[in-house]
Amino acid sequence: MTLPAPLTIVSHMNNHEVPDLDLIKRQAKTRSKEDGGMTYMQCLDQVARELYGLRHFHEARAKAKHAASATPASASPLQYYLRTVQEYYLDF
């Protein structure tokens, strides 16, 4: 016996994929307008589960934040110098 597609939870996310928060929010907003029985936050959780196999939206946000902080932009020596010199000037 197989369950219909909406009732199954399938993880479409591999370990290296970053959740698209804007996509989750758009789909949740559409779903909450169509189905008045669920709140927007419940829709966010459900869409995050369906698209990425996560437990809830906060987990998707944490993964996206971790991915953004894990790859810091390396500054060139000139950029580092300009940043440190700029600290000594007043902002007008």
C-alpha atoms as a PDB file:
ATOM      1  CA  MET A   1       0.000   0.000   0.000  1.00  0.00           C
ATOM      2  CA  THR A   2       1.393   3.395  -0.971  1.00  0.00           C
ATOM      3  CA  LEU A   3       0.299   6.724   0.399  1.00  0.00           C
ATOM      4  CA  PRO A   4      -0.780   9.568  -1.861  1.00  0.00           C
ATOM      5  CA  ALA A   5       1.926  12.126  -2.614  1.00  0.00           C
ATOM      6  CA  PRO A   6       0.692  14.839  -0.193  1.00  0.00           C
ATOM      7  CA  LEU A   7       0.811  12.384   2.728  1.00  0.00           C
ATOM      8  CA  THR A   8       4.354  11.189   2.194  1.00  0.00           C
ATOM      9  CA  ILE A   9       7.389  13.030   3.448  1.00  0.00           C
ATOM     10  CA  VAL A  10      10.198  12.786   0.957  1.00  0.00           C
ATOM     11  CA  SER A  11      13.503  14.468   1.491  1.00  0.00           C
ATOM     12  CA  HIS A  12      14.530  16.286  -1.663  1.00  0.00           C
ATOM     13  CA  MET A  13      17.481  17.893   0.061  1.00  0.00           C
ATOM     14  CA  ASN A  14      20.941  16.472  -0.031  1.00  0.00           C
ATOM     15  CA  ASN A  15      23.503  17.430   2.601  1.00  0.00           C
ATOM     16  CA  HIS A  16      24.999  20.262   0.555  1.00  0.00           C
ATOM     17  CA  GLU A  17      21.809  22.019  -0.538  1.00  0.00           C
ATOM     18  CA  VAL A  18      20.865  25.246   1.224  1.00  0.00           C
ATOM     19  CA  PRO A  19      17.135  25.755   1.838  1.00  0.00           C
ATOM     20  CA  ASP A  20      15.583  28.560  -0.210  1.00  0.00           C
ATOM     21  CA  LEU A  21      13.764  30.549   2.457  1.00  0.00           C
ATOM     22  CA  ASP A  22      12.009  32.808  -0.034  1.00  0.00           C
ATOM     23  CA  LEU A  23      10.546  29.798  -1.847  1.00  0.00           C
ATOM     24  CA  ILE A  24       9.309  28.334   1.437  1.00  0.00           C
ATOM     25  CA  LYS A  25       7.724  31.639   2.443  1.00  0.00           C
ATOM     26  CA  ARG A  26       6.020  32.136  -0.933  1.00  0.00           C
ATOM     27  CA  GLN A  27       4.524  28.663  -0.958  1.00  0.00           C
ATOM     28  CA  ALA A  28       3.434  28.955   2.684  1.00  0.00           C
ATOM     29  CA  LYS A  29       1.747  32.294   2.018  1.00  0.00           C
ATOM     30  CA  THR A  30      -0.124  30.837  -0.947  1.00  0.00           C
ATOM     31  CA  ARG A  31      -1.110  27.765   1.039  1.00  0.00           C
ATOM     32  CA  SER A  32      -2.320  29.777   4.039  1.00  0.00           C
ATOM     33  CA  LYS A  33      -4.528  31.905   1.778  1.00  0.00           C
ATOM     34  CA  GLU A  34      -6.014  28.832   0.104  1.00  0.00           C
ATOM     35  CA  ASP A  35      -6.509  26.784   3.273  1.00  0.00           C
ATOM     36  CA  GLY A  36      -7.946  28.852   6.109  1.00  0.00           C
ATOM     37  CA  GLY A  37      -7.575  25.983   8.608  1.00  0.00           C
ATOM     38  CA  MET A  38      -3.843  26.433   9.163  1.00  0.00           C
ATOM     39  CA  THR A  39      -1.865  29.427  10.370  1.00  0.00           C
ATOM     40  CA  TYR A  40       0.977  30.909   8.340  1.00  0.00           C
ATOM     41  CA  MET A  41       3.551  29.402  10.720  1.00  0.00           C
ATOM     42  CA  GLN A  42       2.013  25.954  10.362  1.00  0.00           C
ATOM     43  CA  CYS A  43       2.181  26.356   6.594  1.00  0.00           C
ATOM     44  CA  LEU A  44       5.855  27.360   6.851  1.00  0.00           C
ATOM     45  CA  ASP A  45       6.595  24.202   8.817  1.00  0.00           C
ATOM     46  CA  GLN A  46       4.668  22.006   6.399  1.00  0.00           C
ATOM     47  CA  VAL A  47       6.334  23.445   3.290  1.00  0.00           C
ATOM     48  CA  ALA A  48       9.799  23.082   4.868  1.00  0.00           C
ATOM     49  CA  ARG A  49       8.967  19.444   5.631  1.00  0.00           C
ATOM     50  CA  GLU A  50       7.719  18.726   2.123  1.00  0.00           C
ATOM     51  CA  LEU A  51      10.445  20.510   0.157  1.00  0.00           C
ATOM     52  CA  TYR A  52      13.530  19.787   2.230  1.00  0.00           C
ATOM     53  CA  GLY A  53      12.600  17.032   4.680  1.00  0.00           C
ATOM     54  CA  LEU A  54      13.210  19.278   7.682  1.00  0.00           C
ATOM     55  CA  ARG A  55      11.280  19.240  10.923  1.00  0.00           C
ATOM     56  CA  HIS A  56      10.191  22.886  10.796  1.00  0.00           C
ATOM     57  CA  PHE A  57      10.899  26.289   9.262  1.00  0.00           C
ATOM     58  CA  HIS A  58      13.299  27.334  12.021  1.00  0.00           C
ATOM     59  CA  GLU A  59      15.555  24.438  11.102  1.00  0.00           C
ATOM     60  CA  ALA A  60      15.587  25.642   7.482  1.00  0.00           C
ATOM     61  CA  ARG A  61      16.463  29.151   8.647  1.00  0.00           C
ATOM     62  CA  ALA A  62      19.258  27.820  10.876  1.00  0.00           C
ATOM     63  CA  LYS A  63      20.700  25.768   7.998  1.00  0.00           C
ATOM     64  CA  ALA A  64      20.618  28.792   5.684  1.00  0.00           C
ATOM     65  CA  LYS A  65      22.282  30.982   8.321  1.00  0.00           C
ATOM     66  CA  HIS A  66      24.946  28.352   8.990  1.00  0.00           C
ATOM     67  CA  ALA A  67      25.665  28.010   5.269  1.00  0.00           C
ATOM     68  CA  ALA A  68      26.037  31.776   4.929  1.00  0.00           C
ATOM     69  CA  SER A  69      28.417  32.026   7.888  1.00  0.00           C
ATOM     70  CA  ALA A  70      30.402  28.921   6.924  1.00  0.00           C
ATOM     71  CA  THR A  71      31.723  30.523   3.745  1.00  0.00           C
ATOM     72  CA  PRO A  72      33.129  33.898   4.771  1.00  0.00           C
ATOM     73  CA  ALA A  73      34.395  36.121   2.019  1.00  0.00           C
ATOM     74  CA  SER A  74      38.159  36.340   2.206  1.00  0.00           C
ATOM     75  CA  ALA A  75      39.368  39.897   2.094  1.00  0.00           C
ATOM     76  CA  SER A  76      42.341  40.887   0.037  1.00  0.00           C
ATOM     77  CA  PRO A  77      45.199  42.667   1.821  1.00  0.00           C
ATOM     78  CA  LEU A  78      44.073  45.977   0.316  1.00  0.00           C
ATOM     79  CA  GLN A  79      40.507  45.470   1.563  1.00  0.00           C
ATOM     80  CA  TYR A  80      41.795  44.596   5.025  1.00  0.00           C
ATOM     81  CA  TYR A  81      43.967  47.730   5.091  1.00  0.00           C
ATOM     82  CA  LEU A  82      41.125  49.983   3.964  1.00  0.00           C
ATOM     83  CA  ARG A  83      38.760  48.476   6.529  1.00  0.00           C
ATOM     84  CA  THR A  84      41.204  49.028   9.397  1.00  0.00           C
ATOM     85  CA  VAL A  85      42.064  52.569   8.296  1.00  0.00           C
ATOM     86  CA  GLN A  86      38.389  53.419   7.939  1.00  0.00           C
ATOM     87  CA  GLU A  87      37.814  52.632  11.609  1.00  0.00           C
ATOM     88  CA  TYR A  88      39.844  55.703  12.570  1.00  0.00           C
ATOM     89  CA  TYR A  89      37.777  58.182  10.534  1.00  0.00           C
ATOM     90  CA  LEU A  90      34.566  59.674  11.801  1.00  0.00           C
ATOM     91  CA  ASP A  91      31.367  59.021   9.900  1.00  0.00           C
ATOM     92  CA  PHE A  92      29.626  62.207   8.877  1.00  0.00           C
END
